[in-house]
Amino acid sequence: MVNKKGSLNLSIQAIVIVVIAFVVLGLGLGFVKNTFSDIEGSSAQVVGQITDQLNDQIAKSNEPLYFPSQKLVLEAGEEKVHGVGVKNTGDLPLDLMVKFSIRIGQDFVPFNSGEVMSLGEGESSFEAGVFWDDTPQGFSAGEGRPFPITITAPSKFGNYLYRVEVVRVVDSVEQPYASKTFFIRTS
């Protein structure tokens, strides 16, 4: 009889341990879910703040292209949400398009939006990318608007020269409108 009571006691303890394990697991999953929900809310808030700042700067400026920084410091391979402001400073409606490129050697190599590209050769090769709306956008006279971008910093340590361009699109032909250069330094 003592042996049966011991096994019954062991069964009750096993059930209690399993119940406690499920409770802790449920609490852990709830914590992780809430943490990721907070991160999503924070990233939406950052995009909103960037858009508000760009709208303010576009309204104050009569520049066709506004990029808020000449130098960004990022971790190698880090993704960062940023933005550019584009403004039609003319008196007529225009179709404008944003483009990004990076300097490799003596040439600027264009990015394909949303694609992390392998760049350079041999030991100096690295990956980098920019994601933005690369379609032509109609702007009325004097209209300015922000363009959110996501930059994937180069995967190798260094200092990289980028160029952001705005081109005017007329009958599917691209004409330069404005451009700026900026640096991304990775650490």
Protein backbone atom coordinates (compact mmCIF):
# COMPACT_ATOMS: atom_id res chain seq x y z
CA MET A 1 0.00 0.00 0.00
CA VAL A 2 2.80 2.40 0.79
CA ASN A 3 4.16 1.88 -2.70
CA LYS A 4 0.79 2.78 -4.30
CA LYS A 5 0.48 5.90 -2.16
CA GLY A 6 3.99 6.96 -3.23
CA SER A 7 3.16 6.52 -6.91
CA LEU A 8 -0.10 8.46 -6.43
CA ASN A 9 1.86 11.24 -4.73
CA LEU A 10 4.34 11.23 -7.63
CA SER A 11 1.46 11.45 -10.15
CA ILE A 12 -0.07 14.46 -8.36
CA GLN A 13 3.32 16.20 -8.28
CA ALA A 14 3.82 15.50 -12.01
CA ILE A 15 0.39 16.98 -12.79
CA VAL A 16 1.15 20.09 -10.69
CA ILE A 17 4.51 20.54 -12.47
CA VAL A 18 2.86 20.20 -15.91
CA VAL A 19 0.15 22.74 -14.97
CA ILE A 20 2.77 25.20 -13.67
CA ALA A 21 4.84 24.69 -16.86
CA PHE A 22 1.81 25.50 -19.04
CA VAL A 23 1.02 28.61 -16.99
CA VAL A 24 4.62 29.87 -17.27
CA LEU A 25 4.65 29.08 -21.00
CA GLY A 26 1.41 31.00 -21.49
CA LEU A 27 2.76 34.00 -19.58
CA GLY A 28 5.98 33.90 -21.63
CA LEU A 29 4.08 33.78 -24.91
CA GLY A 30 1.88 36.67 -23.79
CA PHE A 31 4.96 38.72 -22.89
CA VAL A 32 6.60 38.04 -26.28
CA LYS A 33 3.38 38.90 -28.14
CA ASN A 34 3.02 42.20 -26.24
CA THR A 35 6.69 43.06 -26.87
CA PHE A 36 6.33 42.58 -30.62
CA SER A 37 3.08 44.58 -30.63
CA ASP A 38 4.92 47.43 -28.89
CA ILE A 39 7.72 47.27 -31.49
CA GLU A 40 5.20 47.49 -34.35
CA GLY A 41 3.56 50.49 -32.72
CA SER A 42 6.95 52.15 -32.18
CA SER A 43 7.99 51.69 -35.81
CA ALA A 44 4.70 53.18 -37.02
CA GLN A 45 5.25 56.11 -34.66
CA VAL A 46 8.80 56.63 -36.03
CA VAL A 47 7.51 56.67 -39.63
CA GLY A 48 4.84 59.18 -38.59
CA GLN A 49 7.43 61.45 -36.94
CA ILE A 50 9.72 61.29 -39.99
CA THR A 51 6.79 62.15 -42.26
CA ASP A 52 5.78 65.10 -40.04
CA GLN A 53 9.35 66.45 -39.98
CA LEU A 54 9.69 66.09 -43.75
CA ASN A 55 6.36 67.84 -44.33
CA ASP A 56 7.52 70.77 -42.15
CA GLN A 57 10.86 71.05 -43.96
CA ILE A 58 9.29 70.76 -47.43
CA ALA A 59 6.81 73.53 -46.59
CA LYS A 60 9.60 75.85 -45.33
CA SER A 61 12.02 75.14 -48.17
CA ASN A 62 11.90 75.94 -51.85
CA GLU A 63 14.34 73.12 -52.62
CA PRO A 64 13.18 70.38 -55.04
CA LEU A 65 14.88 67.68 -52.93
CA TYR A 66 15.24 67.57 -49.17
CA PHE A 67 17.32 64.90 -47.44
CA PRO A 68 17.57 65.57 -43.69
CA SER A 69 21.13 64.33 -43.14
CA GLN A 70 24.48 64.42 -44.90
CA LYS A 71 25.78 61.47 -42.88
CA LEU A 72 24.11 58.43 -41.35
CA VAL A 73 25.95 56.17 -38.91
CA LEU A 74 24.59 52.62 -38.89
CA GLU A 75 25.65 49.14 -37.88
CA ALA A 76 26.80 46.95 -40.78
CA GLY A 77 23.69 45.37 -42.33
CA GLU A 78 21.28 47.40 -40.15
CA GLU A 79 17.92 48.49 -41.57
CA LYS A 80 16.88 52.08 -40.86
CA VAL A 81 13.66 53.88 -41.77
CA HIS A 82 14.32 57.35 -43.13
CA GLY A 83 12.75 59.68 -45.67
CA VAL A 84 13.31 62.23 -48.40
CA GLY A 85 11.20 65.22 -49.34
CA VAL A 86 10.40 66.02 -52.96
CA LYS A 87 8.86 69.29 -54.16
CA ASN A 88 7.73 70.56 -57.54
CA THR A 89 9.19 74.06 -57.44
CA GLY A 90 7.84 74.93 -60.90
CA ASP A 91 4.61 76.48 -62.11
CA LEU A 92 3.35 73.43 -64.03
CA PRO A 93 2.40 69.89 -62.95
CA LEU A 94 5.24 67.35 -63.18
CA ASP A 95 5.73 63.61 -62.96
CA LEU A 96 8.70 63.00 -60.67
CA MET A 97 10.49 59.82 -59.64
CA VAL A 98 13.06 59.14 -56.88
CA LYS A 99 16.20 57.03 -57.49
CA PHE A 100 19.10 55.90 -55.28
CA SER A 101 22.62 54.86 -56.16
CA ILE A 102 25.91 54.08 -54.40
CA ARG A 103 29.42 54.90 -55.52
CA ILE A 104 31.56 51.88 -56.36
CA GLY A 105 34.99 52.89 -57.64
CA GLN A 106 34.48 55.87 -59.95
CA ASP A 107 30.84 55.08 -60.88
CA PHE A 108 27.47 55.33 -59.18
CA VAL A 109 25.62 52.00 -59.29
CA PRO A 110 21.80 52.34 -59.18
CA PHE A 111 19.77 50.44 -56.61
CA ASN A 112 16.70 48.41 -57.51
CA SER A 113 14.01 49.28 -54.98
CA GLY A 114 13.43 46.58 -52.37
CA GLU A 115 16.40 44.48 -53.43
CA VAL A 116 19.47 43.92 -51.28
CA MET A 117 22.23 43.84 -53.89
CA SER A 118 25.70 42.30 -53.90
CA LEU A 119 28.12 45.09 -54.79
CA GLY A 120 31.87 45.38 -55.30
CA GLU A 121 34.25 42.56 -56.15
CA GLY A 122 36.41 40.08 -54.29
CA GLU A 123 37.36 40.98 -50.74
CA SER A 124 35.79 44.42 -51.08
CA SER A 125 32.34 42.99 -51.93
CA PHE A 126 29.37 43.74 -49.67
CA GLU A 127 25.58 43.80 -49.66
CA ALA A 128 23.38 46.89 -49.39
CA GLY A 129 19.92 48.06 -50.41
CA VAL A 130 17.30 50.77 -50.36
CA PHE A 131 13.53 50.26 -50.43
CA TRP A 132 11.29 53.10 -51.65
CA ASP A 133 8.42 53.85 -54.01
CA ASP A 134 10.21 54.02 -57.36
CA THR A 135 7.18 54.78 -59.52
CA PRO A 136 6.62 58.17 -61.17
CA GLN A 137 4.39 60.40 -59.03
CA GLY A 138 2.29 63.31 -60.25
CA PHE A 139 2.99 66.63 -58.49
CA SER A 140 0.93 69.75 -58.97
CA ALA A 141 2.70 73.13 -59.13
CA GLY A 142 4.37 73.90 -55.79
CA GLU A 143 3.37 70.56 -54.24
CA GLY A 144 5.81 68.79 -51.94
CA ARG A 145 5.58 65.37 -50.37
CA PRO A 146 7.66 62.99 -48.25
CA PHE A 147 8.88 59.63 -49.49
CA PRO A 148 9.61 57.08 -46.74
CA ILE A 149 12.64 54.89 -47.41
CA THR A 150 14.22 51.91 -45.70
CA ILE A 151 17.99 51.71 -45.99
CA THR A 152 19.82 48.43 -45.51
CA ALA A 153 23.33 49.59 -44.60
CA PRO A 154 26.31 48.01 -46.32
CA SER A 155 27.26 44.70 -44.74
CA LYS A 156 30.92 45.67 -44.47
CA PHE A 157 32.54 48.32 -42.27
CA GLY A 158 33.38 51.55 -44.06
CA ASN A 159 32.24 54.92 -45.37
CA TYR A 160 29.97 54.82 -48.42
CA LEU A 161 28.81 57.63 -50.72
CA TYR A 162 25.15 57.47 -51.77
CA ARG A 163 23.22 59.65 -54.19
CA VAL A 164 19.50 60.35 -54.15
CA GLU A 165 18.11 61.75 -57.39
CA VAL A 166 14.78 63.12 -58.48
CA VAL A 167 14.10 62.77 -62.19
CA ARG A 168 11.34 64.33 -64.23
CA VAL A 169 9.51 61.81 -66.40
CA VAL A 170 8.22 63.13 -69.73
CA ASP A 171 6.82 60.61 -72.23
CA SER A 172 8.72 57.77 -70.47
CA VAL A 173 11.99 59.72 -70.81
CA GLU A 174 13.83 60.58 -67.58
CA GLN A 175 15.34 64.05 -67.21
CA PRO A 176 17.46 65.15 -64.22
CA TYR A 177 15.55 67.38 -61.79
CA ALA A 178 17.57 67.42 -58.52
CA SER A 179 20.14 65.31 -56.69
CA LYS A 180 22.03 65.20 -53.39
CA THR A 181 24.76 63.01 -52.00
CA PHE A 182 25.08 61.67 -48.47
CA PHE A 183 27.35 59.28 -46.61
CA ILE A 184 26.55 56.11 -44.73
CA ARG A 185 29.23 55.10 -42.27
CA THR A 186 29.00 51.55 -40.97
CA SER A 187 30.60 50.32 -37.79
